[in-house]
Protein backbone atom coordinates (compact mmCIF):
# COMPACT_ATOMS: atom_id res chain seq x y z
CA UNK A 1 11.68 -26.53 -2.41
CA UNK A 2 12.67 -24.91 0.89
CA UNK A 3 12.19 -25.16 4.63
CA UNK A 4 10.50 -22.01 5.98
CA UNK A 5 11.59 -20.59 9.32
CA UNK A 6 10.06 -17.69 11.27
CA UNK A 7 12.08 -15.98 14.01
CA UNK A 8 11.46 -13.12 16.40
CA UNK A 9 13.47 -10.03 15.43
CA UNK A 10 14.19 -6.88 17.45
CA UNK A 11 15.21 -3.88 15.32
CA UNK A 12 17.80 -1.27 16.30
CA UNK A 13 15.10 1.07 17.63
CA UNK A 14 13.65 -1.68 19.85
CA UNK A 15 10.70 -2.50 17.57
CA UNK A 16 9.73 -6.17 17.79
CA UNK A 17 8.89 -7.85 14.49
CA UNK A 18 9.52 -11.22 12.89
CA UNK A 19 11.75 -12.44 10.10
CA UNK A 20 11.08 -15.10 7.52
CA UNK A 21 13.97 -17.11 6.14
CA UNK A 22 14.21 -20.15 3.88
CA UNK A 23 16.81 -22.88 3.93
CA UNK A 24 16.99 -23.74 0.26
CA UNK A 25 17.53 -27.30 -0.94
CA UNK A 26 20.27 -28.19 -3.42
CA UNK A 27 17.96 -28.09 -6.46
CA UNK A 28 15.39 -25.36 -5.84
CA UNK A 29 14.39 -24.64 -9.46
CA UNK A 30 13.28 -26.42 -12.60
CA UNK A 31 15.95 -27.72 -15.00
CA UNK A 32 17.09 -25.52 -17.92
CA UNK A 33 15.60 -25.95 -21.42
CA UNK A 34 18.16 -28.68 -22.25
CA UNK A 35 16.84 -30.77 -19.36
CA UNK A 36 20.20 -31.08 -17.60
CA UNK A 37 19.79 -30.47 -13.83
CA UNK A 38 21.70 -27.47 -12.51
CA UNK A 39 24.62 -28.12 -10.20
CA UNK A 40 25.19 -25.59 -7.44
CA UNK A 41 28.28 -24.41 -5.61
CA UNK A 42 28.55 -25.18 -1.89
CA UNK A 43 28.00 -22.21 0.40
CA UNK A 44 31.09 -22.94 2.48
CA UNK A 45 34.37 -23.53 0.68
CA UNK A 46 37.05 -25.96 1.84
CA UNK A 47 39.35 -24.68 4.59
CA UNK A 48 41.94 -22.25 3.25
CA UNK A 49 40.01 -21.48 0.06
CA UNK A 50 38.45 -18.10 -0.58
CA UNK A 51 36.10 -19.51 -3.18
CA UNK A 52 35.65 -16.30 -5.18
CA UNK A 53 37.73 -15.53 -8.28
CA UNK A 54 40.06 -12.54 -8.23
CA UNK A 55 37.71 -10.34 -10.27
CA UNK A 56 35.10 -10.50 -7.48
CA UNK A 57 37.28 -9.28 -4.64
CA UNK A 58 36.22 -5.88 -3.29
CA UNK A 59 38.05 -3.65 -0.84
CA UNK A 60 36.97 -3.55 2.81
CA UNK A 61 34.90 -0.35 3.16
CA UNK A 62 36.54 2.58 4.91
CA UNK A 63 37.78 6.11 4.36
CA UNK A 64 36.59 9.60 5.22
CA UNK A 65 33.71 9.68 2.72
CA UNK A 66 32.47 6.31 3.92
CA UNK A 67 32.45 7.41 7.55
CA UNK A 68 30.77 10.75 6.81
CA UNK A 69 27.92 9.16 4.84
CA UNK A 70 27.38 6.52 7.50
CA UNK A 71 27.17 9.22 10.18
CA UNK A 72 24.76 11.26 8.04
CA UNK A 73 22.46 8.29 7.50
CA UNK A 74 22.44 7.27 11.15
CA UNK A 75 21.98 10.86 12.33
CA UNK A 76 18.85 11.21 10.19
CA UNK A 77 17.57 7.67 10.94
CA UNK A 78 17.76 6.65 7.29
CA UNK A 79 18.46 3.31 5.67
CA UNK A 80 20.54 2.51 2.59
CA UNK A 81 20.17 -0.51 0.34
CA UNK A 82 23.97 -0.45 0.19
CA UNK A 83 24.01 -1.75 3.78
CA UNK A 84 20.79 -3.76 3.92
CA UNK A 85 21.58 -5.73 0.74
CA UNK A 86 25.29 -6.07 1.63
CA UNK A 87 26.44 -4.49 -1.63
CA UNK A 88 30.10 -5.24 -2.46
CA UNK A 89 30.56 -1.72 -3.89
CA UNK A 90 29.64 0.17 -0.72
CA UNK A 91 33.19 1.37 -0.04
CA UNK A 92 33.77 2.69 -3.56
CA UNK A 93 30.37 4.36 -3.87
CA UNK A 94 30.32 5.97 -0.44
CA UNK A 95 33.83 7.35 -0.85
CA UNK A 96 32.60 8.85 -4.14
CA UNK A 97 29.78 10.40 -2.09
CA UNK A 98 26.97 8.43 -3.72
CA UNK A 99 24.47 6.24 -1.91
CA UNK A 100 21.09 4.63 -2.53
CA UNK A 101 18.45 5.61 0.01
CA UNK A 102 16.02 2.87 1.04
CA UNK A 103 12.69 4.34 2.09
CA UNK A 104 9.58 2.78 3.66
CA UNK A 105 11.61 1.07 6.39
CA UNK A 106 13.97 -1.89 6.26
CA UNK A 107 11.50 -4.76 6.63
CA UNK A 108 10.05 -6.21 3.41
CA UNK A 109 6.70 -7.96 2.96
CA UNK A 110 8.14 -10.34 0.36
CA UNK A 111 10.64 -13.19 0.69
CA UNK A 112 12.74 -13.21 -2.48
CA UNK A 113 15.21 -16.08 -2.50
CA UNK A 114 18.25 -13.92 -3.30
CA UNK A 115 17.75 -10.89 -1.08
CA UNK A 116 19.47 -10.10 2.23
CA UNK A 117 16.87 -7.53 3.29
CA UNK A 118 14.79 -8.65 6.27
CA UNK A 119 11.38 -10.18 5.50
CA UNK A 120 8.64 -9.75 8.07
CA UNK A 121 6.09 -7.33 9.50
CA UNK A 122 6.91 -3.74 8.44
CA UNK A 123 7.05 -0.77 10.78
CA UNK A 124 4.52 2.07 10.77
CA UNK A 125 4.76 4.44 7.81
CA UNK A 126 7.17 7.33 8.41
CA UNK A 127 5.60 10.41 6.80
CA UNK A 128 8.60 12.63 7.65
CA UNK A 129 11.05 10.40 5.78
CA UNK A 130 10.97 12.32 2.46
CA UNK A 131 12.21 15.51 4.13
CA UNK A 132 15.02 13.65 5.92
CA UNK A 133 16.14 12.03 2.66
CA UNK A 134 16.20 15.44 0.98
CA UNK A 135 18.18 16.85 3.91
CA UNK A 136 20.73 14.03 3.54
CA UNK A 137 20.99 14.59 -0.22
CA UNK A 138 21.69 18.28 0.44
CA UNK A 139 24.31 17.54 3.12
CA UNK A 140 26.04 15.09 0.77
CA UNK A 141 25.93 17.54 -2.15
CA UNK A 142 24.39 14.96 -4.46
CA UNK A 143 23.89 15.58 -8.16
CA UNK A 144 22.23 12.21 -8.71
CA UNK A 145 20.12 10.65 -5.95
CA UNK A 146 18.84 7.06 -6.10
CA UNK A 147 15.74 6.10 -4.11
CA UNK A 148 14.60 2.51 -3.62
CA UNK A 149 12.43 0.72 -1.08
CA UNK A 150 11.33 -2.54 0.41
CA UNK A 151 8.01 -3.97 -0.78
CA UNK A 152 5.08 -2.67 1.26
CA UNK A 153 2.27 -4.83 -0.09
CA UNK A 154 0.10 -4.07 2.96
CA UNK A 155 -0.24 -0.41 1.92
CA UNK A 156 -3.06 0.53 -0.50
CA UNK A 157 -0.62 2.20 -2.92
CA UNK A 158 2.43 0.10 -2.06
CA UNK A 159 4.21 3.23 -0.81
CA UNK A 160 3.99 5.11 -4.12
CA UNK A 161 2.93 8.35 -2.41
CA UNK A 162 6.08 8.30 -0.26
CA UNK A 163 8.20 7.77 -3.37
CA UNK A 164 6.54 10.80 -4.99
CA UNK A 165 6.94 12.94 -1.87
CA UNK A 166 10.64 11.99 -1.66
CA UNK A 167 11.26 12.88 -5.31
CA UNK A 168 9.62 16.29 -4.88
CA UNK A 169 11.40 16.98 -1.60
CA UNK A 170 14.80 16.38 -3.20
CA UNK A 171 13.91 18.48 -6.25
CA UNK A 172 12.92 21.35 -3.96
CA UNK A 173 15.80 21.03 -1.49
CA UNK A 174 18.57 20.23 -4.01
CA UNK A 175 17.79 22.02 -7.31
CA UNK A 176 19.51 20.38 -10.24
CA UNK A 177 19.85 17.00 -8.52
CA UNK A 178 18.57 14.23 -10.81
CA UNK A 179 16.44 11.63 -9.04
CA UNK A 180 16.40 7.96 -9.98
CA UNK A 181 13.89 5.58 -8.42
CA UNK A 182 14.13 1.80 -8.13
CA UNK A 183 10.59 0.73 -7.28
CA UNK A 184 8.69 -2.45 -6.43
CA UNK A 185 6.10 -3.68 -8.91
CA UNK A 186 3.22 -2.19 -6.83
CA UNK A 187 1.33 -5.39 -7.76
CA UNK A 188 0.92 -3.84 -11.20
CA UNK A 189 -1.29 -1.02 -9.86
CA UNK A 190 -1.30 1.62 -12.61
CA UNK A 191 -2.44 4.41 -10.28
CA UNK A 192 0.55 3.74 -8.02
CA UNK A 193 2.94 3.81 -10.98
CA UNK A 194 1.34 7.05 -12.21
CA UNK A 195 1.76 8.59 -8.75
CA UNK A 196 5.52 8.03 -8.97
CA UNK A 197 5.86 9.12 -12.61
CA UNK A 198 3.86 12.31 -12.00
CA UNK A 199 6.67 13.44 -9.68
CA UNK A 200 8.96 13.25 -12.74
CA UNK A 201 12.00 11.20 -11.72
CA UNK A 202 14.85 11.35 -14.24
CA UNK A 203 15.01 7.54 -14.35
CA UNK A 204 12.40 4.92 -13.47
CA UNK A 205 13.98 1.57 -12.57
CA UNK A 206 12.26 -1.71 -11.79
CA UNK A 207 14.41 -4.83 -11.80
CA UNK A 208 13.32 -7.96 -13.63
CA UNK A 209 15.96 -9.81 -11.51
CA UNK A 210 16.09 -13.14 -13.41
CA UNK A 211 14.70 -15.24 -16.26
CA UNK A 212 11.03 -16.33 -16.09
CA UNK A 213 11.77 -20.02 -15.38
CA UNK A 214 13.46 -19.13 -12.10
CA UNK A 215 10.74 -16.83 -10.77
CA UNK A 216 9.11 -19.39 -8.41
CA UNK A 217 12.35 -19.58 -6.41
CA UNK A 218 13.88 -16.15 -7.01
CA UNK A 219 10.76 -13.92 -6.82
CA UNK A 220 7.92 -16.14 -5.51
CA UNK A 221 5.48 -13.25 -4.94
CA UNK A 222 6.21 -11.53 -8.26
CA UNK A 223 5.24 -12.13 -11.89
CA UNK A 224 7.62 -11.81 -14.82
CA UNK A 225 5.06 -10.38 -17.26
CA UNK A 226 3.71 -8.00 -14.65
CA UNK A 227 7.18 -6.52 -14.13
CA UNK A 228 7.56 -6.04 -17.87
CA UNK A 229 4.22 -4.22 -18.02
CA UNK A 230 5.25 -1.94 -15.13
CA UNK A 231 8.25 -0.83 -17.17
CA UNK A 232 6.23 -0.35 -20.36
CA UNK A 233 3.55 1.69 -18.59
CA UNK A 234 6.15 3.93 -16.93
CA UNK A 235 7.55 4.71 -20.37
CA UNK A 236 4.10 5.39 -21.78
CA UNK A 237 3.39 7.89 -19.00
CA UNK A 238 6.69 9.74 -19.49
CA UNK A 239 8.27 9.06 -22.91
CA UNK A 240 11.01 11.62 -22.20
CA UNK A 241 12.10 9.87 -19.00
CA UNK A 242 14.53 6.98 -18.93
CA UNK A 243 13.47 3.47 -17.98
CA UNK A 244 15.86 0.95 -16.54
CA UNK A 245 15.97 -2.66 -15.38
CA UNK A 246 18.50 -5.29 -14.35
CA UNK A 247 19.07 -8.93 -13.61
CA UNK A 248 21.55 -11.23 -11.89
CA UNK A 249 23.45 -14.17 -13.38
CA UNK A 250 24.61 -17.31 -11.61
CA UNK A 251 21.20 -18.57 -10.44
CA UNK A 252 21.05 -21.49 -12.87
CA UNK A 253 19.96 -19.71 -16.06
CA UNK A 254 21.41 -20.45 -19.52
CA UNK A 255 22.48 -18.06 -22.27
CA UNK A 256 19.39 -18.43 -24.45
CA UNK A 257 17.20 -17.49 -21.45
CA UNK A 258 19.31 -14.40 -20.75
CA UNK A 259 19.09 -13.30 -24.38
CA UNK A 260 15.32 -13.76 -24.39
CA UNK A 261 14.97 -11.74 -21.19
CA UNK A 262 17.07 -8.98 -22.72
CA UNK A 263 14.87 -9.01 -25.83
CA UNK A 264 11.74 -8.86 -23.67
CA UNK A 265 13.06 -5.82 -21.81
CA UNK A 266 13.98 -4.00 -25.00
CA UNK A 267 10.58 -4.79 -26.51
CA UNK A 268 9.04 -3.12 -23.46
CA UNK A 269 10.98 0.10 -24.15
CA UNK A 270 13.65 -0.24 -21.45
CA UNK A 271 16.55 2.16 -22.09
CA UNK A 272 19.20 1.10 -19.54
CA UNK A 273 20.15 -2.44 -18.51
CA UNK A 274 22.35 -3.60 -15.62
CA UNK A 275 23.76 -7.13 -15.35
CA UNK A 276 25.69 -8.40 -12.32
CA UNK A 277 26.83 -11.57 -10.58
CA UNK A 278 24.56 -13.10 -7.93
CA UNK A 279 26.44 -13.60 -4.66
CA UNK A 280 24.72 -15.77 -2.06
CA UNK A 281 24.27 -13.73 1.16
CA UNK A 282 23.88 -16.77 3.45
CA UNK A 283 23.01 -20.44 3.46
CA UNK A 284 19.38 -19.38 3.90
CA UNK A 285 19.40 -17.90 0.40
CA UNK A 286 19.34 -19.43 -3.05
CA UNK A 287 22.47 -21.35 -3.99
CA UNK A 288 24.71 -20.08 -6.79
CA UNK A 289 25.31 -22.12 -9.94
CA UNK A 290 28.58 -20.54 -11.09
CA UNK A 291 30.71 -17.43 -11.46
CA UNK A 292 30.52 -15.67 -14.83
CA UNK A 293 33.81 -14.40 -16.26
CA UNK A 294 34.49 -10.76 -17.23
CA UNK A 295 34.51 -11.91 -20.87
CA UNK A 296 31.01 -13.33 -20.54
CA UNK A 297 29.78 -10.07 -19.06
CA UNK A 298 31.40 -8.19 -21.95
CA UNK A 299 29.61 -10.43 -24.47
CA UNK A 300 26.25 -9.78 -22.80
CA UNK A 301 26.95 -6.04 -22.90
CA UNK A 302 27.82 -6.21 -26.60
CA UNK A 303 24.65 -8.18 -27.36
CA UNK A 304 22.53 -5.61 -25.53
CA UNK A 305 24.10 -2.61 -27.24
CA UNK A 306 24.82 -3.86 -30.75
CA UNK A 307 22.06 -6.39 -31.31
CA UNK A 308 19.20 -4.96 -29.26
CA UNK A 309 19.91 -1.23 -29.12
CA UNK A 310 19.81 -0.46 -25.40
CA UNK A 311 20.98 3.11 -24.75
CA UNK A 312 23.34 1.89 -22.04
CA UNK A 313 24.34 -1.52 -20.67
CA UNK A 314 26.31 -1.82 -17.43
CA UNK A 315 27.54 -5.41 -17.27
CA UNK A 316 30.16 -6.79 -14.89
CA UNK A 317 30.74 -9.08 -11.91
CA UNK A 318 30.22 -6.39 -9.25
CA UNK A 319 27.54 -4.39 -11.07
CA UNK A 320 24.41 -3.57 -9.07
CA UNK A 321 21.40 -1.46 -10.06
CA UNK A 322 22.78 1.82 -8.74
CA UNK A 323 26.46 1.23 -9.56
CA UNK A 324 27.70 4.24 -11.58
CA UNK A 325 24.06 5.37 -11.85
CA UNK A 326 24.97 8.94 -12.80
CA UNK A 327 27.28 7.75 -15.59
CA UNK A 328 24.60 5.36 -16.85
CA UNK A 329 22.07 8.18 -17.17
CA UNK A 330 24.56 10.52 -18.84
CA UNK A 331 25.57 7.86 -21.37
CA UNK A 332 21.94 7.04 -22.17
CA UNK A 333 21.22 10.73 -22.81
CA UNK A 334 24.26 11.00 -25.07
CA UNK A 335 22.99 7.97 -26.96
CA UNK A 336 19.67 9.74 -27.53
CA UNK A 337 21.44 12.81 -28.91
CA UNK A 338 23.59 10.64 -31.17
CA UNK A 339 20.57 8.75 -32.49
CA UNK A 340 18.78 12.00 -33.27
CA UNK A 341 21.73 13.60 -35.06
């Protein structure tokens, strides 16, 4: 399926670790239900061709807000998933003074086929990180803070206690600031999930990422059903809180698989759904099957809202989990009020 390569890596602070990368073959996943093998786009386009359609072109990041947030993050030795995952919306979001903090370091214990975050041996746990995140949220004047992390499978609780400490630190330092978390699956550990939920985040997000057939290539150390159960259990623990999940398109899935995944999420009490285009970070990541059109994203959004009853669906080429997160939460809450009227 892929050729595995391990390289020495020296982080910005001088820490020596290692990185794991895969050079994926042309057909890394099983064929769709119709049996027709998936064809993938080449990573490098012909000379003079951009390759991406017009609706996927994002502005080069810059501006006063962008610079200020970058300086704040570096000054407090914090990481953002915006940078580590090479998000195309970083310029827009940072100039709107919103950012997604990535706690527990910037080295992940898993090697997902789509992700640009470094895979390798994590750094020591930083117990002061929650206070620095809260300080940054206060300096930025946030009303909605999003906290995510790398996977830390070597920790007994997967880092859940640091998530909880970060939520509480923000709530104490920035009263009125809603906190949204995007967590790993914690290997399905219910005590870890409860630790996070007990801190009462406004929104609990765990991404399903793709359809079950593609899991061996997209999320080799994860389990589709386990992720669904994480979301259901989070809702059981806090019925008043919002649950959220998301997936990418363009990895070789077909429409019927997307619809089934959407049904599975709704059946597990997920309130908010995000759908975005997969963009291959490098040739060492999974190849892309195709670009979805804005019309196709609109149809998926309509299916999620009108047929399945999600409280909010954010669906578009450049959509990522935290894109317009505050608006997503507000719309979902309005939907609850409308349903109860």
